[in-house]
Amino acid sequence: MESQLKLNQEVLITIKSIGIDGEGVGFYKRQAVFVPGALPPEEVVIKVTKIKKGYAVGEIVRIKKKSFYRRKPFCKHFTKCGGCQLQHVEYEEQQRLKEQLLKQSFERFTDLDLRKIKFHHFNPIVKPRHYRHQANMFIVNTKSEGVMTALPDLKGDNLVEVPSCPITDEAINRTNQRVLEICDDNDIFAFDEKSKRGMLRRLVTRKSHYNGEIQVTLVVTIFNKVLKTAAKQILDLEDVSSVAISKNHDINNKNTFGETHEILEGKATIEERLGDIIYKLSPVDRFPINPFEAENMFEYVSTLLKESSGKTMLNLFAGSGVFALYHARHFDALTAVDVNPKLVQSAQHSAKANKIKNIHFQSGDESAQLQKFNDKHIIFDTALLSPPKHGLNQPLIKQIKASGIHQLIYVSKNPSTLAKDINHLKSAYRLISVMPFDMHPQSSRVDSVALLEKK
């Protein structure tokens, strides 16, 4: 259908919901219009900035009818930085909008009877600010302030200078500022893609929720002996116990870390805990950035696993073994698989620290590994899936459907891919419930846990 809108046209629309990126969604003559910054049920005059097949994008000219839940953002970078999308919404309303977004994903991407599925509400959270226990910041050169931390803008095309982030733990913000001062004092500059000068690309700082230890990692293009001097000074900062570098010299490599990392000063790992489980975290290990809500999620998963206690479990996309280690107590035997051998090695190290012996960790492609189990007629009672945002691939979905796994627990980072994947699995599995978790307050991201049972 041809668009009824034209570029730069101004129209009045009513916002009905929010989209996956936190933008307001309204309609003009049945054509969807996405409006960043708008909230339901606001009436807004917008100017059309983009027209695509099936939808349009607009910017707010003025708000004719304002939402009762609209609030002044607490961060001055909110309209520029892309890290948060919902700071302008009262926190309780954020949760309601996310619950609506989760359910709408199933309405859009499945033909399931949602009346037969239990959609839970968020648990109240006590820390909607300063909850991030890991900061992954880009580094830029400035004329007046020296090197500075930065984050991608709303479109992801450019970087916005962010010296301090109000959703990041305050000790991390303080440490980052001191680290940058040390870099300035040692003439360690940010890498500039145009001039090809400088070496510092990112600053990754993690704080243990358990004991307050801080781990600092400088992501650089090349090693220089001045980094060793700076590392000694960084280790002297309050609570810093580990200083590392990761060499990522390929400017086209958009990953945070390079292929290797090296400890320059201090300990190789810092200690973190969830419940009674100790995690020995290297600079490149994955761990929930919001340990407060992570404990809620892990305990909820434990309640789902109680029926399978004493049996066998398969954990796909196991990463550093965070889920596997926490839930090993429920099972006689647990197999954990991840494609990254370095993360598997870290998980094995943490298992040894906890004296957990009933987990077998192995590296390899998740689909290929499950196919091997299926070919050998190895059947697991439960499978816990925690895939990346893009969800499950078709070969893995095929292997899951062909398996004899009775119970699936799908830990999702994206409502859309969760709904799409469950729609593919529906011929073999029945969706029982979906529980949301607010791992990222102030953002539009919705993490959730879905429970499925074999038909």
Protein backbone atom coordinates (compact mmCIF):
# COMPACT_ATOMS: atom_id res chain seq x y z
CA MET A 1 0.00 0.00 0.00
CA GLU A 2 1.31 3.41 -0.96
CA SER A 3 2.13 5.71 1.93
CA GLN A 4 -0.41 8.39 2.76
CA LEU A 5 2.38 10.51 4.24
CA LYS A 6 5.02 12.72 2.66
CA LEU A 7 8.41 13.80 3.94
CA ASN A 8 8.30 16.88 6.22
CA GLN A 9 4.51 16.65 6.44
CA GLU A 10 3.10 17.59 9.84
CA VAL A 11 0.25 15.45 11.18
CA LEU A 12 -1.48 14.80 14.50
CA ILE A 13 -1.39 11.21 15.77
CA THR A 14 -2.25 9.39 18.99
CA ILE A 15 0.42 7.14 20.47
CA LYS A 16 -0.94 3.66 21.16
CA SER A 17 2.12 1.77 22.49
CA ILE A 18 5.90 1.70 22.58
CA GLY A 19 8.17 -0.14 20.16
CA ILE A 20 11.12 -2.43 20.81
CA ASP A 21 13.49 0.55 20.95
CA GLY A 22 11.28 2.59 23.27
CA GLU A 23 9.80 4.80 20.55
CA GLY A 24 6.14 5.74 20.59
CA VAL A 25 3.97 3.91 18.03
CA GLY A 26 0.89 5.50 16.48
CA PHE A 27 -1.04 5.24 13.22
CA TYR A 28 -1.96 7.59 10.42
CA LYS A 29 -4.66 6.13 8.15
CA ARG A 30 -3.60 2.62 9.26
CA GLN A 31 0.07 3.29 8.55
CA ALA A 32 2.37 2.74 11.53
CA VAL A 33 4.36 5.78 12.59
CA PHE A 34 7.32 5.51 15.00
CA VAL A 35 8.02 8.59 17.10
CA PRO A 36 11.08 8.62 19.40
CA GLY A 37 10.33 10.22 22.76
CA ALA A 38 6.53 9.96 22.48
CA LEU A 39 4.46 8.01 25.03
CA PRO A 40 1.04 6.40 25.04
CA PRO A 41 -1.61 7.81 25.16
CA GLU A 42 -0.13 11.16 24.09
CA GLU A 43 -1.47 13.16 21.18
CA VAL A 44 1.48 14.61 19.29
CA VAL A 45 2.02 16.74 16.23
CA ILE A 46 4.89 15.13 14.36
CA LYS A 47 6.97 15.96 11.30
CA VAL A 48 7.61 12.99 9.02
CA THR A 49 11.37 12.40 8.73
CA LYS A 50 11.46 9.00 7.03
CA ILE A 51 9.11 6.86 4.94
CA LYS A 52 9.72 3.13 4.56
CA LYS A 53 7.68 0.24 3.22
CA GLY A 54 4.87 -0.29 5.72
CA TYR A 55 5.82 2.42 8.20
CA ALA A 56 7.05 5.98 8.71
CA VAL A 57 9.23 7.76 11.27
CA GLY A 58 8.49 11.17 12.71
CA GLU A 59 9.87 13.65 15.21
CA ILE A 60 7.82 15.52 17.79
CA VAL A 61 6.91 19.09 16.85
CA ARG A 62 4.74 19.60 19.93
CA ILE A 63 2.82 17.51 22.42
CA LYS A 64 -0.85 18.40 22.30
CA LYS A 65 -1.88 16.02 25.10
CA LYS A 66 0.85 14.94 27.54
CA SER A 67 1.04 11.60 29.37
CA PHE A 68 0.40 11.74 33.11
CA TYR A 69 3.53 9.60 33.58
CA ARG A 70 5.94 11.84 31.67
CA ARG A 71 8.82 12.98 33.88
CA LYS A 72 11.93 15.13 33.52
CA PRO A 73 14.91 12.84 32.73
CA PHE A 74 17.54 12.74 35.48
CA CYS A 75 20.46 12.53 33.01
CA LYS A 76 21.43 15.56 30.93
CA HIS A 77 22.60 13.27 28.11
CA PHE A 78 19.23 11.53 27.77
CA THR A 79 18.11 13.06 24.46
CA LYS A 80 21.52 12.38 22.87
CA CYS A 81 22.94 9.19 24.38
CA GLY A 82 21.37 5.94 23.20
CA GLY A 83 21.92 4.04 26.45
CA CYS A 84 18.48 4.78 27.93
CA GLN A 85 15.15 5.19 26.15
CA LEU A 86 12.60 5.56 28.98
CA GLN A 87 14.07 7.98 31.51
CA HIS A 88 11.26 10.39 30.74
CA VAL A 89 8.70 7.89 32.09
CA GLU A 90 7.82 7.29 35.74
CA TYR A 91 9.43 3.99 36.75
CA GLU A 92 6.23 2.06 37.55
CA GLU A 93 4.85 3.06 34.16
CA GLN A 94 8.05 1.88 32.49
CA GLN A 95 7.35 -1.59 33.83
CA ARG A 96 3.73 -1.51 32.67
CA LEU A 97 4.79 -0.44 29.17
CA LYS A 98 7.37 -3.22 29.01
CA GLU A 99 4.81 -5.81 30.07
CA GLN A 100 2.59 -4.52 27.27
CA LEU A 101 5.52 -4.70 24.81
CA LEU A 102 6.24 -8.31 25.80
CA LYS A 103 2.65 -9.41 25.31
CA GLN A 104 2.32 -7.49 22.03
CA SER A 105 5.33 -9.39 20.66
CA PHE A 106 3.39 -12.63 21.10
CA GLU A 107 0.28 -11.09 19.56
CA ARG A 108 2.29 -10.01 16.54
CA PHE A 109 4.58 -12.98 15.93
CA THR A 110 2.48 -15.96 17.08
CA ASP A 111 -1.03 -17.29 16.62
CA LEU A 112 -1.14 -18.71 20.16
CA ASP A 113 -4.20 -18.32 22.36
CA LEU A 114 -2.66 -15.95 24.90
CA ARG A 115 -5.56 -16.49 27.30
CA LYS A 116 -4.11 -19.93 28.03
CA ILE A 117 -0.65 -18.54 28.87
CA LYS A 118 0.31 -17.03 32.23
CA PHE A 119 1.95 -13.63 31.72
CA HIS A 120 3.41 -12.58 35.06
CA HIS A 121 4.02 -9.01 36.24
CA PHE A 122 7.42 -7.55 37.07
CA ASN A 123 8.66 -7.92 40.61
CA PRO A 124 9.21 -4.52 42.23
CA ILE A 125 12.85 -3.48 41.92
CA VAL A 126 14.64 -1.41 44.53
CA LYS A 127 17.44 0.04 42.43
CA PRO A 128 16.35 1.74 39.19
CA ARG A 129 19.54 3.88 39.22
CA HIS A 130 23.23 3.06 39.69
CA TYR A 131 22.46 -0.63 39.12
CA ARG A 132 25.05 -1.35 36.41
CA HIS A 133 28.06 -3.18 37.83
CA GLN A 134 29.94 -3.12 34.55
CA ALA A 135 30.60 -0.09 32.34
CA ASN A 136 31.74 -0.58 28.75
CA MET A 137 32.71 2.89 27.55
CA PHE A 138 34.24 4.15 24.34
CA ILE A 139 37.12 6.64 24.69
CA VAL A 140 37.41 9.89 22.75
CA ASN A 141 39.91 12.74 22.68
CA THR A 142 38.65 16.20 23.65
CA LYS A 143 40.40 19.55 23.33
CA SER A 144 39.67 20.80 26.83
CA GLU A 145 39.17 17.69 28.99
CA GLY A 146 41.73 15.25 27.58
CA VAL A 147 40.47 11.70 27.07
CA MET A 148 36.83 11.13 27.98
CA THR A 149 34.35 8.27 28.18
CA ALA A 150 31.60 8.19 25.57
CA LEU A 151 28.60 6.14 24.46
CA PRO A 152 26.83 5.75 21.08
CA ASP A 153 24.11 8.25 20.24
CA LEU A 154 20.47 7.36 19.61
CA LYS A 155 21.15 6.30 16.02
CA GLY A 156 24.40 4.53 16.87
CA ASP A 157 26.30 6.57 14.28
CA ASN A 158 28.32 8.86 16.54
CA LEU A 159 29.64 9.01 20.09
CA VAL A 160 28.33 11.25 22.88
CA GLU A 161 30.72 12.36 25.62
CA VAL A 162 29.43 10.94 28.93
CA PRO A 163 31.83 11.65 31.82
CA SER A 164 29.52 10.03 34.37
CA CYS A 165 26.53 7.71 33.90
CA PRO A 166 23.70 7.80 36.49
CA ILE A 167 22.63 4.20 35.91
CA THR A 168 26.19 2.95 36.52
CA ASP A 169 27.49 2.14 40.00
CA GLU A 170 28.93 5.27 41.57
CA ALA A 171 32.25 3.64 42.46
CA ILE A 172 32.71 2.70 38.78
CA ASN A 173 32.05 6.31 37.72
CA ARG A 174 34.66 7.57 40.21
CA THR A 175 37.18 4.95 39.12
CA ASN A 176 36.70 5.77 35.44
CA GLN A 177 37.44 9.45 36.05
CA ARG A 178 40.65 8.63 37.90
CA VAL A 179 41.71 6.14 35.22
CA LEU A 180 41.26 8.81 32.54
CA GLU A 181 43.34 11.26 34.57
CA ILE A 182 46.11 8.66 34.78
CA CYS A 183 45.90 8.11 31.02
CA ASP A 184 46.18 11.85 30.43
CA ASP A 185 49.18 12.09 32.76
CA ASN A 186 50.90 9.30 30.80
CA ASP A 187 49.99 10.69 27.35
CA ILE A 188 47.77 7.73 26.55
CA PHE A 189 45.33 9.05 23.97
CA ALA A 190 42.21 7.64 22.34
CA PHE A 191 42.69 5.97 18.98
CA ASP A 192 41.64 8.26 16.13
CA GLU A 193 40.46 6.40 13.03
CA LYS A 194 41.26 9.33 10.72
CA SER A 195 44.81 10.05 11.86
CA LYS A 196 45.48 6.42 12.97
CA ARG A 197 47.12 7.83 16.09
CA GLY A 198 46.50 6.98 19.73
CA MET A 199 45.96 3.55 21.25
CA LEU A 200 43.02 3.56 23.69
CA ARG A 201 39.70 2.35 22.30
CA ARG A 202 37.55 1.41 25.30
CA LEU A 203 37.53 1.34 29.07
CA VAL A 204 35.72 -1.64 30.63
CA THR A 205 35.25 -1.46 34.39
CA ARG A 206 33.57 -4.10 36.53
CA LYS A 207 32.72 -3.95 40.24
CA SER A 208 31.95 -7.01 42.33
CA HIS A 209 28.55 -6.79 43.99
CA TYR A 210 29.84 -9.28 46.56
CA ASN A 211 33.04 -7.66 47.89
CA GLY A 212 33.47 -4.34 46.05
CA GLU A 213 36.57 -5.38 44.08
CA ILE A 214 37.05 -3.41 40.88
CA GLN A 215 38.50 -4.77 37.65
CA VAL A 216 39.78 -2.32 35.02
CA THR A 217 40.48 -3.32 31.41
CA LEU A 218 41.97 -0.99 28.82
CA VAL A 219 41.11 -2.02 25.27
CA VAL A 220 43.98 -0.83 23.08
CA THR A 221 45.14 -1.09 19.48
CA ILE A 222 48.72 -1.94 20.38
CA PHE A 223 50.86 -2.54 23.46
CA ASN A 224 53.19 0.19 24.66
CA LYS A 225 55.33 0.01 27.80
CA VAL A 226 53.64 3.17 29.11
CA LEU A 227 50.56 1.02 29.71
CA LYS A 228 52.51 -0.91 32.32
CA THR A 229 53.34 2.35 34.12
CA ALA A 230 49.71 3.45 34.01
CA ALA A 231 48.53 0.03 35.25
CA LYS A 232 50.66 0.35 38.41
CA GLN A 233 49.03 3.71 39.13
CA ILE A 234 45.53 2.39 38.41
CA LEU A 235 46.09 -0.52 40.82
CA ASP A 236 46.70 2.04 43.58
CA LEU A 237 43.16 3.40 43.18
CA GLU A 238 40.62 2.53 45.85
CA ASP A 239 39.19 -1.02 45.52
CA VAL A 240 40.97 -1.72 42.20
CA SER A 241 42.46 -5.22 42.38
CA SER A 242 42.95 -6.15 38.71
CA VAL A 243 44.24 -4.16 35.72
CA ALA A 244 44.34 -5.71 32.26
CA ILE A 245 44.64 -4.83 28.60
CA SER A 246 42.98 -6.40 25.59
CA LYS A 247 44.53 -5.78 22.18
CA ASN A 248 41.93 -5.10 19.52
CA HIS A 249 44.03 -3.71 16.68
CA ASP A 250 41.51 -4.32 13.87
CA ILE A 251 39.55 -1.07 13.52
CA ASN A 252 36.79 -2.99 11.70
CA ASN A 253 36.32 -5.32 14.67
CA LYS A 254 33.30 -3.94 16.52
CA ASN A 255 33.59 -6.42 19.39
CA THR A 256 34.59 -5.01 22.74
CA PHE A 257 37.64 -7.20 23.25
CA GLY A 258 40.35 -8.50 20.96
CA GLU A 259 41.33 -12.14 20.73
CA THR A 260 43.59 -11.99 23.78
CA HIS A 261 43.84 -10.20 27.10
CA GLU A 262 46.73 -9.77 29.50
CA ILE A 263 46.83 -8.94 33.20
CA LEU A 264 49.26 -6.06 33.71
CA GLU A 265 48.87 -5.63 37.46
CA GLY A 266 46.99 -7.31 40.29
CA LYS A 267 44.82 -10.43 40.23
CA ALA A 268 43.80 -12.44 37.18
CA THR A 269 40.18 -12.58 38.34
CA ILE A 270 37.84 -10.87 40.75
CA GLU A 271 35.32 -12.73 42.87
CA GLU A 272 31.57 -12.31 42.42
CA ARG A 273 28.69 -14.22 43.98
CA LEU A 274 25.07 -15.01 43.34
CA GLY A 275 23.55 -16.88 46.25
CA ASP A 276 26.19 -19.28 47.55
CA ILE A 277 28.00 -19.64 44.23
CA ILE A 278 31.44 -18.08 43.71
CA TYR A 279 32.30 -16.81 40.22
CA LYS A 280 35.92 -16.16 39.32
CA LEU A 281 35.61 -13.51 36.62
CA SER A 282 38.35 -12.67 34.14
CA PRO A 283 38.10 -9.35 32.27
CA VAL A 284 36.35 -10.97 29.29
CA ASP A 285 33.86 -13.15 31.20
CA ARG A 286 30.14 -12.51 30.92
CA PHE A 287 28.17 -11.80 34.06
CA PRO A 288 24.84 -10.00 34.67
CA ILE A 289 25.41 -6.27 34.88
CA ASN A 290 22.49 -5.96 37.29
CA PRO A 291 23.23 -8.43 40.12
CA PHE A 292 20.21 -7.24 42.13
CA GLU A 293 17.67 -8.37 39.53
CA ALA A 294 19.83 -11.32 38.45
CA GLU A 295 19.36 -12.93 41.86
CA ASN A 296 15.58 -12.54 41.47
CA MET A 297 15.72 -14.18 38.04
CA PHE A 298 17.94 -17.05 39.16
CA GLU A 299 15.73 -17.82 42.14
CA TYR A 300 12.66 -17.80 39.91
CA VAL A 301 14.34 -20.25 37.53
CA SER A 302 15.09 -22.43 40.57
CA THR A 303 11.38 -22.67 41.31
CA LEU A 304 10.77 -23.89 37.75
CA LEU A 305 13.50 -26.50 38.06
CA LYS A 306 12.29 -28.11 41.26
CA GLU A 307 10.08 -30.57 39.36
CA SER A 308 13.16 -31.81 37.50
CA SER A 309 15.35 -32.16 40.60
CA GLY A 310 17.45 -35.30 40.59
CA LYS A 311 17.43 -35.61 36.81
CA THR A 312 19.52 -34.29 33.89
CA MET A 313 19.82 -30.82 32.41
CA LEU A 314 21.33 -29.29 29.27
CA ASN A 315 22.43 -25.63 29.33
CA LEU A 316 22.93 -24.15 25.85
CA PHE A 317 24.69 -20.78 25.40
CA ALA A 318 26.22 -21.41 28.82
CA GLY A 319 28.81 -18.63 28.57
CA SER A 320 30.91 -18.43 31.73
CA GLY A 321 28.65 -20.94 33.43
CA VAL A 322 26.62 -18.45 35.46
CA PHE A 323 23.30 -20.33 35.15
CA ALA A 324 24.82 -23.82 35.17
CA LEU A 325 26.79 -23.30 38.37
CA TYR A 326 23.86 -21.71 40.19
CA HIS A 327 21.41 -24.49 39.32
CA ALA A 328 23.70 -27.52 39.44
CA ARG A 329 22.36 -28.41 42.89
CA HIS A 330 19.02 -29.40 41.36
CA PHE A 331 20.43 -32.13 39.10
CA ASP A 332 22.31 -35.40 39.16
CA ALA A 333 24.13 -34.40 35.98
CA LEU A 334 24.32 -31.17 33.97
CA THR A 335 25.88 -30.58 30.55
CA ALA A 336 26.77 -27.00 29.63
CA VAL A 337 27.67 -25.98 26.07
CA ASP A 338 29.02 -22.73 24.64
CA VAL A 339 30.68 -21.96 21.32
CA ASN A 340 33.43 -19.88 23.00
CA PRO A 341 36.17 -22.15 24.45
CA LYS A 342 37.60 -19.35 26.59
CA LEU A 343 34.29 -18.87 28.39
CA VAL A 344 34.04 -22.62 28.89
CA GLN A 345 37.50 -22.63 30.45
CA SER A 346 36.45 -19.84 32.82
CA ALA A 347 33.31 -21.79 33.77
CA GLN A 348 35.44 -24.82 34.59
CA HIS A 349 37.63 -22.65 36.82
CA SER A 350 34.56 -21.40 38.73
CA ALA A 351 33.22 -24.96 39.05
CA LYS A 352 36.49 -26.00 40.66
CA ALA A 353 36.34 -23.05 43.07
CA ASN A 354 32.85 -24.16 44.15
CA LYS A 355 33.82 -27.87 44.26
CA ILE A 356 30.96 -28.63 41.86
CA LYS A 357 31.60 -31.93 40.10
CA ASN A 358 28.29 -32.79 38.42
CA ILE A 359 28.68 -30.36 35.48
CA HIS A 360 30.34 -31.31 32.20
CA PHE A 361 31.38 -28.19 30.29
CA GLN A 362 32.13 -28.44 26.58
CA SER A 363 32.74 -25.98 23.75
CA GLY A 364 31.16 -26.18 20.33
CA ASP A 365 28.27 -25.02 18.19
CA GLU A 366 25.07 -25.47 20.18
CA SER A 367 23.08 -26.93 17.28
CA ALA A 368 25.82 -29.38 16.31
CA GLN A 369 26.25 -30.53 19.90
CA LEU A 370 22.52 -31.15 20.37
CA GLN A 371 22.43 -33.08 17.11
CA LYS A 372 25.18 -35.35 18.47
CA PHE A 373 23.14 -35.96 21.62
CA ASN A 374 20.04 -36.70 19.54
CA ASP A 375 21.97 -39.10 17.28
CA LYS A 376 23.19 -40.98 20.36
CA HIS A 377 19.66 -40.99 21.82
CA ILE A 378 20.81 -39.00 24.86
CA ILE A 379 17.72 -37.37 26.34
CA PHE A 380 17.79 -34.53 28.87
CA ASP A 381 14.89 -33.88 31.21
CA THR A 382 15.36 -30.10 31.08
CA ALA A 383 17.12 -27.65 28.77
CA LEU A 384 17.94 -24.08 29.75
CA LEU A 385 18.46 -21.81 26.75
CA SER A 386 19.99 -18.36 27.15
CA PRO A 387 20.70 -17.22 23.58
CA PRO A 388 21.90 -13.78 22.45
CA LYS A 389 19.43 -11.09 21.35
CA HIS A 390 18.96 -12.58 17.87
CA GLY A 391 17.58 -15.75 19.42
CA LEU A 392 17.79 -19.34 18.15
CA ASN A 393 18.83 -20.32 14.64
CA GLN A 394 16.72 -22.68 12.55
CA PRO A 395 19.08 -25.70 12.78
CA LEU A 396 18.98 -25.49 16.58
CA ILE A 397 15.19 -25.15 16.63
CA LYS A 398 15.00 -28.26 14.44
CA GLN A 399 17.22 -30.20 16.86
CA ILE A 400 15.25 -29.06 19.91
CA LYS A 401 11.99 -30.22 18.32
CA ALA A 402 13.58 -33.57 17.46
CA SER A 403 14.88 -34.09 20.99
CA GLY A 404 13.12 -35.77 23.87
CA ILE A 405 13.70 -32.82 26.21
CA HIS A 406 10.64 -32.54 28.44
CA GLN A 407 11.01 -29.02 29.82
CA LEU A 408 12.44 -25.91 28.15
CA ILE A 409 13.38 -22.78 30.07
CA TYR A 410 14.13 -19.97 27.64
CA VAL A 411 15.93 -16.94 29.12
CA SER A 412 15.32 -14.15 26.62
CA LYS A 413 16.94 -10.78 25.96
CA ASN A 414 14.49 -9.77 23.23
CA PRO A 415 10.66 -10.14 23.24
CA SER A 416 10.42 -10.26 19.43
CA THR A 417 12.90 -13.09 18.92
CA LEU A 418 11.44 -14.95 21.92
CA ALA A 419 7.97 -14.87 20.36
CA LYS A 420 9.27 -15.86 16.92
CA ASP A 421 11.27 -18.77 18.34
CA ILE A 422 8.34 -20.04 20.40
CA ASN A 423 6.13 -19.83 17.33
CA HIS A 424 8.60 -22.18 15.58
CA LEU A 425 8.66 -24.50 18.59
CA LYS A 426 4.90 -24.62 19.12
CA SER A 427 4.37 -27.84 17.15
CA ALA A 428 6.47 -29.72 19.71
CA TYR A 429 6.22 -27.56 22.85
CA ARG A 430 3.46 -25.80 24.74
CA LEU A 431 4.14 -22.38 26.25
CA ILE A 432 3.09 -22.34 29.91
CA SER A 433 4.22 -18.97 31.26
CA VAL A 434 6.34 -15.87 30.68
CA MET A 435 7.95 -13.90 33.52
CA PRO A 436 9.57 -10.49 32.82
CA PHE A 437 12.64 -9.19 34.65
CA ASP A 438 13.81 -5.58 34.61
CA MET A 439 17.53 -6.14 34.21
CA HIS A 440 17.89 -2.75 32.49
CA PRO A 441 15.72 -0.06 34.13
CA GLN A 442 15.38 3.20 32.17
CA SER A 443 15.87 1.30 28.89
CA SER A 444 13.29 -0.37 26.65
CA ARG A 445 14.97 -3.77 26.93
CA VAL A 446 12.79 -6.55 28.35
CA ASP A 447 14.44 -9.70 29.71
CA SER A 448 12.14 -12.61 30.45
CA VAL A 449 11.95 -16.30 31.31
CA ALA A 450 9.57 -18.53 29.35
CA LEU A 451 8.55 -22.01 30.48
CA LEU A 452 7.65 -24.60 27.84
CA GLU A 453 6.72 -28.26 28.12
CA LYS A 454 6.86 -31.05 25.55
CA LYS A 455 3.48 -31.80 23.99
